[in-house]
Structures are given as structure tokens and as C-alpha cells.
N, C-alpha and C. Protein backbone atom coordinates (compact mmCIF):
# COMPACT_ATOMS: atom_id res chain seq x y z
N UNK A 1 0.85 -1.19 0.01
CA UNK A 1 0.00 0.02 0.01
C UNK A 1 0.89 1.23 0.03
N UNK A 2 0.57 2.21 -0.77
CA UNK A 2 1.27 3.49 -0.89
C UNK A 2 0.46 4.61 -0.41
N UNK A 3 0.96 5.38 0.55
CA UNK A 3 0.22 6.58 1.06
C UNK A 3 0.82 7.86 0.53
N UNK A 4 0.00 8.78 0.07
CA UNK A 4 0.48 10.08 -0.35
C UNK A 4 0.13 11.14 0.64
N UNK A 5 1.15 11.84 1.10
CA UNK A 5 1.03 12.91 2.08
C UNK A 5 1.38 14.21 1.47
N UNK A 6 0.64 15.30 1.75
CA UNK A 6 0.88 16.58 1.21
C UNK A 6 1.12 17.54 2.38
N UNK A 7 2.13 18.35 2.27
CA UNK A 7 2.45 19.34 3.30
C UNK A 7 2.40 20.70 2.64
N UNK A 8 1.51 21.54 3.18
CA UNK A 8 1.38 22.92 2.58
C UNK A 8 2.35 23.85 3.25
N UNK A 9 2.78 24.80 2.56
CA UNK A 9 3.71 25.79 3.10
C UNK A 9 3.15 26.46 4.37
N UNK A 10 3.97 26.47 5.43
CA UNK A 10 3.59 27.01 6.68
C UNK A 10 2.86 26.06 7.61
N UNK A 11 2.59 24.86 7.14
CA UNK A 11 1.95 23.82 7.89
C UNK A 11 2.98 22.94 8.61
N UNK A 12 2.68 22.45 9.80
CA UNK A 12 3.56 21.70 10.58
C UNK A 12 3.51 20.22 10.18
N UNK A 13 2.31 19.66 10.04
CA UNK A 13 2.14 18.21 9.73
C UNK A 13 1.64 18.04 8.23
N UNK A 14 2.04 17.01 7.67
CA UNK A 14 1.58 16.58 6.36
C UNK A 14 0.19 15.93 6.53
N UNK A 15 -0.66 16.10 5.49
CA UNK A 15 -2.01 15.48 5.46
C UNK A 15 -2.04 14.29 4.52
N UNK A 16 -2.62 13.19 4.98
CA UNK A 16 -2.81 12.05 4.09
C UNK A 16 -3.93 12.35 3.04
N UNK A 17 -3.58 12.30 1.78
CA UNK A 17 -4.55 12.63 0.73
C UNK A 17 -5.00 11.53 -0.17
N UNK A 18 -4.25 10.38 -0.02
CA UNK A 18 -4.67 9.19 -0.81
C UNK A 18 -3.89 7.97 -0.49
N UNK A 19 -4.50 6.77 -0.67
CA UNK A 19 -3.92 5.50 -0.46
C UNK A 19 -4.04 4.69 -1.80
N UNK A 20 -2.96 4.11 -2.25
CA UNK A 20 -2.96 3.49 -3.56
C UNK A 20 -2.30 2.12 -3.43
N UNK A 21 -2.74 1.15 -4.16
CA UNK A 21 -2.05 -0.19 -4.22
C UNK A 21 -1.01 -0.20 -5.24
N UNK A 22 -0.99 0.73 -6.18
CA UNK A 22 -0.06 0.78 -7.29
C UNK A 22 0.84 2.04 -7.15
N UNK A 23 2.15 1.91 -7.19
CA UNK A 23 3.02 3.04 -7.04
C UNK A 23 2.88 4.04 -8.18
N UNK A 24 2.64 3.59 -9.36
CA UNK A 24 2.47 4.49 -10.51
C UNK A 24 1.27 5.41 -10.34
N UNK A 25 0.18 4.92 -9.80
CA UNK A 25 -1.01 5.69 -9.49
C UNK A 25 -0.70 6.79 -8.43
N UNK A 26 0.05 6.39 -7.40
CA UNK A 26 0.39 7.28 -6.32
C UNK A 26 1.24 8.44 -6.87
N UNK A 27 2.23 8.08 -7.64
CA UNK A 27 3.18 9.10 -8.21
C UNK A 27 2.42 10.07 -9.09
N UNK A 28 1.55 9.53 -9.97
CA UNK A 28 0.80 10.29 -10.89
C UNK A 28 -0.07 11.28 -10.16
N UNK A 29 -0.75 10.87 -9.08
CA UNK A 29 -1.62 11.73 -8.32
C UNK A 29 -0.87 12.82 -7.61
N UNK A 30 0.34 12.48 -7.01
CA UNK A 30 1.16 13.41 -6.27
C UNK A 30 1.67 14.49 -7.28
N UNK A 31 2.08 14.08 -8.42
CA UNK A 31 2.62 14.98 -9.42
C UNK A 31 1.51 15.96 -9.94
N UNK A 32 0.33 15.47 -10.07
CA UNK A 32 -0.85 16.29 -10.47
C UNK A 32 -1.12 17.38 -9.46
N UNK A 33 -1.02 16.97 -8.18
CA UNK A 33 -1.27 17.92 -7.10
C UNK A 33 -0.16 19.01 -7.08
N UNK A 34 1.08 18.56 -7.35
CA UNK A 34 2.18 19.50 -7.40
C UNK A 34 2.10 20.50 -8.55
N UNK A 35 1.60 20.01 -9.63
CA UNK A 35 1.33 20.94 -10.80
C UNK A 35 0.34 21.96 -10.57
N UNK A 36 -0.72 21.60 -9.76
CA UNK A 36 -1.79 22.57 -9.48
C UNK A 36 -1.31 23.62 -8.49
N UNK A 37 -0.54 23.22 -7.48
CA UNK A 37 -0.07 24.12 -6.48
C UNK A 37 1.43 23.85 -6.22
N UNK A 38 2.26 24.67 -6.75
CA UNK A 38 3.72 24.42 -6.62
C UNK A 38 4.30 24.71 -5.26
N UNK A 39 3.45 25.23 -4.34
CA UNK A 39 3.98 25.63 -2.98
C UNK A 39 3.89 24.41 -2.06
N UNK A 40 3.25 23.32 -2.46
CA UNK A 40 3.14 22.17 -1.61
C UNK A 40 4.33 21.19 -1.87
N UNK A 41 4.55 20.36 -0.90
CA UNK A 41 5.47 19.25 -1.10
C UNK A 41 4.76 17.96 -0.76
N UNK A 42 5.23 16.90 -1.38
CA UNK A 42 4.53 15.63 -1.17
C UNK A 42 5.57 14.53 -0.78
N UNK A 43 5.05 13.53 -0.09
CA UNK A 43 5.81 12.32 0.26
C UNK A 43 5.01 11.09 -0.01
N UNK A 44 5.61 10.15 -0.63
CA UNK A 44 4.92 8.88 -0.87
C UNK A 44 5.60 7.84 -0.04
N UNK A 45 4.84 7.14 0.80
CA UNK A 45 5.36 6.14 1.73
C UNK A 45 4.69 4.80 1.40
N UNK A 46 5.57 3.70 1.48
CA UNK A 46 5.05 2.39 1.30
C UNK A 46 4.98 1.69 2.73
N UNK A 47 3.82 1.20 3.02
CA UNK A 47 3.59 0.52 4.32
C UNK A 47 4.25 -0.88 4.17
N UNK A 48 4.92 -1.34 5.23
CA UNK A 48 5.65 -2.59 5.20
C UNK A 48 4.82 -3.74 5.69
N UNK A 49 3.70 -3.46 6.41
CA UNK A 49 2.92 -4.49 6.97
C UNK A 49 3.32 -4.91 8.41
N UNK A 50 4.36 -4.20 8.92
CA UNK A 50 4.88 -4.42 10.23
C UNK A 50 4.60 -3.25 11.14
N UNK A 51 4.64 -3.45 12.44
CA UNK A 51 4.32 -2.37 13.36
C UNK A 51 5.45 -2.23 14.38
N UNK A 52 5.64 -0.98 14.92
CA UNK A 52 6.64 -0.77 15.95
C UNK A 52 6.06 -1.10 17.32
N UNK A 53 6.80 -0.93 18.36
CA UNK A 53 6.34 -1.31 19.70
C UNK A 53 5.20 -0.48 20.19
N UNK A 54 4.93 0.67 19.55
CA UNK A 54 3.78 1.53 19.94
C UNK A 54 2.57 1.21 19.13
N UNK A 55 2.66 0.27 18.19
CA UNK A 55 1.53 -0.04 17.38
C UNK A 55 1.41 0.76 16.12
N UNK A 56 2.39 1.60 15.84
CA UNK A 56 2.37 2.44 14.63
C UNK A 56 2.93 1.67 13.49
N UNK A 57 2.34 1.80 12.29
CA UNK A 57 2.83 1.06 11.12
C UNK A 57 4.24 1.55 10.69
N UNK A 58 5.02 0.60 10.26
CA UNK A 58 6.38 0.99 9.80
C UNK A 58 6.27 1.24 8.28
N UNK A 59 6.91 2.30 7.83
CA UNK A 59 6.86 2.71 6.43
C UNK A 59 8.23 3.01 5.87
N UNK A 60 8.34 2.89 4.56
CA UNK A 60 9.53 3.33 3.81
C UNK A 60 9.17 4.48 2.89
N UNK A 61 9.95 5.51 2.90
CA UNK A 61 9.73 6.65 1.97
C UNK A 61 10.18 6.21 0.60
N UNK A 62 9.27 6.34 -0.38
CA UNK A 62 9.58 5.94 -1.72
C UNK A 62 9.95 7.14 -2.60
N UNK A 63 9.24 8.29 -2.40
CA UNK A 63 9.54 9.45 -3.20
C UNK A 63 9.10 10.74 -2.52
N UNK A 64 9.80 11.77 -2.71
CA UNK A 64 9.51 13.10 -2.20
C UNK A 64 9.51 14.08 -3.35
N UNK A 65 8.71 15.09 -3.29
CA UNK A 65 8.72 16.10 -4.35
C UNK A 65 8.14 17.45 -3.90
């Protein structure tokens, strides 16, 4: 599963804006958002299916833009 997070300029936390099973769909969506508003930044994370000791899902960052 790939999660797309968008962080707006001046914002502290990134917002989850989409979940995709295909990396190509996630990248396409993130790039479309970036084209519409160049002030945002995005991060695409892949969930590993494992959890840390606090119960939070472990993720790997796939792409930033």
C-alpha cells in the first residue's frame, strides 16, 4: 500500500490525501497535485505490514517532491 502525504507551506504536519495499491498511480496523483499548487510538497510512503512497539505502522519513503 502506498500513502500520499501533502504538506502545505507554513503547515507543521503533512496530510494524508490518498492510499494506492499501485506506485504509478500514487506518483501520478502526487505530481498532479504539485502541478496545481507548486507551493506544496509531497511524500509517498510504502507500508511494510509491520508495526513498531507503539503499534504504529512501519513505512519506507519511496519518493518526495
